C-alpha atoms as a PDB file:
ATOM      1  CA  MET A   1    -153.564 170.715  91.806  1.00  0.00           C
ATOM      2  CA  PRO A   2    -152.612 167.963  89.330  1.00  0.00           C
ATOM      3  CA  ARG A   3    -152.616 164.355  90.427  1.00  0.00           C
ATOM      4  CA  ALA A   4    -149.121 162.882  91.004  1.00  0.00           C
ATOM      5  CA  THR A   5    -148.936 159.352  89.600  1.00  0.00           C
ATOM      6  CA  ASN A   6    -145.231 158.579  89.921  1.00  0.00           C
ATOM      7  CA  ALA A   7    -145.519 157.233  86.370  1.00  0.00           C
ATOM      8  CA  PRO A   8    -141.878 157.461  85.216  1.00  0.00           C
ATOM      9  CA  ALA A   9    -140.521 155.689  88.299  1.00  0.00           C
ATOM     10  CA  SER A  10    -143.153 152.940  88.324  1.00  0.00           C
ATOM     11  CA  ARG A  11    -142.730 152.402  84.574  1.00  0.00           C
ATOM     12  CA  GLU A  12    -138.969 152.091  85.082  1.00  0.00           C
ATOM     13  CA  ARG A  13    -139.513 149.583  87.882  1.00  0.00           C
ATOM     14  CA  ARG A  14    -141.798 147.445  85.698  1.00  0.00           C
ATOM     15  CA  LYS A  15    -139.349 147.694  82.834  1.00  0.00           C
ATOM     16  CA  ARG A  16    -136.511 146.483  85.048  1.00  0.00           C
ATOM     17  CA  VAL A  17    -138.532 143.452  86.177  1.00  0.00           C
ATOM     18  CA  LEU A  18    -139.570 142.619  82.624  1.00  0.00           C
ATOM     19  CA  GLU A  19    -135.980 142.828  81.375  1.00  0.00           C
ATOM     20  CA  LYS A  20    -134.844 140.420  84.105  1.00  0.00           C
ATOM     21  CA  ALA A  21    -137.674 138.031  83.222  1.00  0.00           C
ATOM     22  CA  LYS A  22    -137.075 137.823  79.489  1.00  0.00           C
ATOM     23  CA  GLY A  23    -138.633 134.586  78.241  1.00  0.00           C
ATOM     24  CA  TYR A  24    -140.697 133.836  81.357  1.00  0.00           C
ATOM     25  CA  ARG A  25    -144.478 133.767  81.464  1.00  0.00           C
ATOM     26  CA  TYR A  26    -145.070 135.601  84.747  1.00  0.00           C
ATOM     27  CA  ALA A  27    -142.399 138.223  85.145  1.00  0.00           C
ATOM     28  CA  LYS A  28    -142.614 139.140  88.816  1.00  0.00           C
ATOM     29  CA  ASP A  29    -142.778 135.552  90.086  1.00  0.00           C
ATOM     30  CA  ALA A  30    -139.985 134.465  87.783  1.00  0.00           C
ATOM     31  CA  THR A  31    -137.607 137.198  88.866  1.00  0.00           C
ATOM     32  CA  MET A  32    -138.374 136.687  92.556  1.00  0.00           C
ATOM     33  CA  LYS A  33    -137.702 132.944  92.284  1.00  0.00           C
ATOM     34  CA  GLY A  34    -134.641 133.508  90.138  1.00  0.00           C
ATOM     35  CA  GLN A  35    -133.150 135.890  92.677  1.00  0.00           C
ATOM     36  CA  TYR A  36    -133.963 133.473  95.498  1.00  0.00           C
ATOM     37  CA  TRP A  37    -132.302 130.572  93.693  1.00  0.00           C
ATOM     38  CA  SER A  38    -129.247 132.562  92.706  1.00  0.00           C
ATOM     39  CA  TYR A  39    -128.701 133.664  96.316  1.00  0.00           C
ATOM     40  CA  ARG A  40    -129.206 130.107  97.588  1.00  0.00           C
ATOM     41  CA  ASP A  41    -126.982 128.538  94.962  1.00  0.00           C
ATOM     42  CA  ARG A  42    -124.127 130.948  95.530  1.00  0.00           C
ATOM     43  CA  LYS A  43    -123.956 129.477  99.033  1.00  0.00           C
ATOM     44  CA  THR A  44    -124.345 125.914  97.738  1.00  0.00           C
ATOM     45  CA  LYS A  45    -121.555 126.437  95.211  1.00  0.00           C
ATOM     46  CA  LYS A  46    -119.071 127.179  97.998  1.00  0.00           C
ATOM     47  CA  ARG A  47    -120.142 124.028  99.853  1.00  0.00           C
ATOM     48  CA  VAL A  48    -119.880 121.839  96.757  1.00  0.00           C
ATOM     49  CA  PHE A  49    -116.412 123.105  95.878  1.00  0.00           C
ATOM     50  CA  ARG A  50    -115.227 122.425  99.437  1.00  0.00           C
ATOM     51  CA  TYR A  51    -116.478 118.824  99.099  1.00  0.00           C
ATOM     52  CA  LEU A  52    -114.658 118.509  95.774  1.00  0.00           C
ATOM     53  CA  TRP A  53    -111.370 119.766  97.231  1.00  0.00           C
ATOM     54  CA  ILE A  54    -111.643 117.354 100.158  1.00  0.00           C
ATOM     55  CA  GLN A  55    -112.332 114.424  97.811  1.00  0.00           C
ATOM     56  CA  ARG A  56    -109.340 115.303  95.659  1.00  0.00           C
ATOM     57  CA  LEU A  57    -107.078 115.659  98.681  1.00  0.00           C
ATOM     58  CA  ASN A  58    -108.319 112.385 100.126  1.00  0.00           C
ATOM     59  CA  ALA A  59    -107.601 110.544  96.865  1.00  0.00           C
ATOM     60  CA  ALA A  60    -104.158 112.110  96.515  1.00  0.00           C
ATOM     61  CA  ALA A  61    -103.258 111.482 100.165  1.00  0.00           C
ATOM     62  CA  ARG A  62    -104.398 107.851  99.960  1.00  0.00           C
ATOM     63  CA  ALA A  63    -102.162 107.386  96.924  1.00  0.00           C
ATOM     64  CA  HIS A  64     -99.288 108.280  99.265  1.00  0.00           C
ATOM     65  CA  GLY A  65    -100.489 106.095 102.137  1.00  0.00           C
ATOM     66  CA  LEU A  66    -102.401 108.611 104.271  1.00  0.00           C
ATOM     67  CA  THR A  67    -106.057 109.288 104.920  1.00  0.00           C
ATOM     68  CA  TYR A  68    -107.450 112.787 104.582  1.00  0.00           C
ATOM     69  CA  SER A  69    -107.898 113.218 108.322  1.00  0.00           C
ATOM     70  CA  ARG A  70    -104.320 112.151 109.061  1.00  0.00           C
ATOM     71  CA  PHE A  71    -103.132 114.414 106.228  1.00  0.00           C
ATOM     72  CA  ALA A  72    -105.004 117.380 107.739  1.00  0.00           C
ATOM     73  CA  GLU A  73    -103.588 116.590 111.184  1.00  0.00           C
ATOM     74  CA  GLY A  74    -100.078 116.443 109.714  1.00  0.00           C
ATOM     75  CA  LEU A  75    -100.553 119.755 107.913  1.00  0.00           C
ATOM     76  CA  LYS A  76    -101.377 121.393 111.208  1.00  0.00           C
ATOM     77  CA  ALA A  77     -98.448 119.696 112.957  1.00  0.00           C
ATOM     78  CA  ALA A  78     -96.071 120.766 110.186  1.00  0.00           C
ATOM     79  CA  SER A  79     -97.434 124.347 110.276  1.00  0.00           C
ATOM     80  CA  ILE A  80     -98.290 124.295 106.582  1.00  0.00           C
ATOM     81  CA  GLY A  81    -100.830 127.065 106.100  1.00  0.00           C
ATOM     82  CA  LEU A  82    -102.126 126.197 102.616  1.00  0.00           C
ATOM     83  CA  ASP A  83    -105.883 125.942 102.257  1.00  0.00           C
ATOM     84  CA  ARG A  84    -107.828 123.085 100.678  1.00  0.00           C
ATOM     85  CA  LYS A  85    -108.295 124.881  97.369  1.00  0.00           C
ATOM     86  CA  ILE A  86    -104.567 125.389  96.822  1.00  0.00           C
ATOM     87  CA  LEU A  87    -103.641 121.920  98.080  1.00  0.00           C
ATOM     88  CA  ALA A  88    -106.207 120.267  95.792  1.00  0.00           C
ATOM     89  CA  ASP A  89    -104.871 122.244  92.844  1.00  0.00           C
ATOM     90  CA  ILE A  90    -101.305 121.207  93.676  1.00  0.00           C
ATOM     91  CA  ALA A  91    -102.408 117.580  94.047  1.00  0.00           C
ATOM     92  CA  VAL A  92    -103.969 117.611  90.583  1.00  0.00           C
ATOM     93  CA  THR A  93    -101.411 119.684  88.679  1.00  0.00           C
ATOM     94  CA  ASP A  94     -98.019 119.198  90.392  1.00  0.00           C
ATOM     95  CA  GLU A  95     -97.406 115.673  91.685  1.00  0.00           C
ATOM     96  CA  VAL A  96     -93.799 116.351  92.752  1.00  0.00           C
ATOM     97  CA  ALA A  97     -94.731 119.339  94.923  1.00  0.00           C
ATOM     98  CA  PHE A  98     -97.597 117.402  96.512  1.00  0.00           C
ATOM     99  CA  LYS A  99     -95.272 114.501  97.252  1.00  0.00           C
ATOM    100  CA  SER A 100     -92.865 116.843  99.070  1.00  0.00           C
ATOM    101  CA  ILE A 101     -95.783 118.226 101.112  1.00  0.00           C
ATOM    102  CA  VAL A 102     -96.831 114.666 101.993  1.00  0.00           C
ATOM    103  CA  GLU A 103     -93.276 113.877 103.112  1.00  0.00           C
ATOM    104  CA  GLN A 104     -93.280 116.955 105.374  1.00  0.00           C
ATOM    105  CA  VAL A 105     -96.653 115.868 106.754  1.00  0.00           C
ATOM    106  CA  LYS A 106     -95.427 112.341 107.443  1.00  0.00           C
ATOM    107  CA  SER A 107     -92.317 113.570 109.252  1.00  0.00           C
ATOM    108  CA  ALA A 108     -94.425 115.968 111.338  1.00  0.00           C
ATOM    109  CA  LEU A 109     -96.774 113.107 112.261  1.00  0.00           C
ATOM    110  CA  GLU A 110     -93.818 110.928 113.272  1.00  0.00           C
ATOM    111  CA  LYS A 111     -92.414 113.703 115.486  1.00  0.00           C
ATOM    112  CA  LYS A 112     -95.839 114.193 117.023  1.00  0.00           C
ATOM    113  CA  SER A 113     -96.249 110.473 117.782  1.00  0.00           C
ATOM    114  CA  LYS A 114     -92.737 110.260 119.297  1.00  0.00           C
ATOM    115  CA  LYS A 115     -93.447 113.305 121.445  1.00  0.00           C
ATOM    116  CA  ALA A 116     -96.721 111.756 122.707  1.00  0.00           C
ATOM    117  CA  ALA A 117     -95.088 108.387 123.494  1.00  0.00           C
END
């Protein structure tokens, strides 16, 4: 009975690793680390963008006399369901629309404070 070496499959596996590691010295280590970093940094990217959106919203809200936390509280009170990504985009690209959102937020905060008092 001939010896089974699984040569085509193992050669294909090695080929796949070498193609991923083009330009690296040690192919297997490089691809393993590269895959680890890409997985990790996909998570980090989401976190970093969230920080960016919050910073943009904070700057835009402060330009209209509110802090970010008060702005977020007013959004909830006004039942405005836009997320940070969309709000940050509006704050950067459409000043008039953001100003109308801020006015709605301020009126909702005033109603909330009158209701509590």
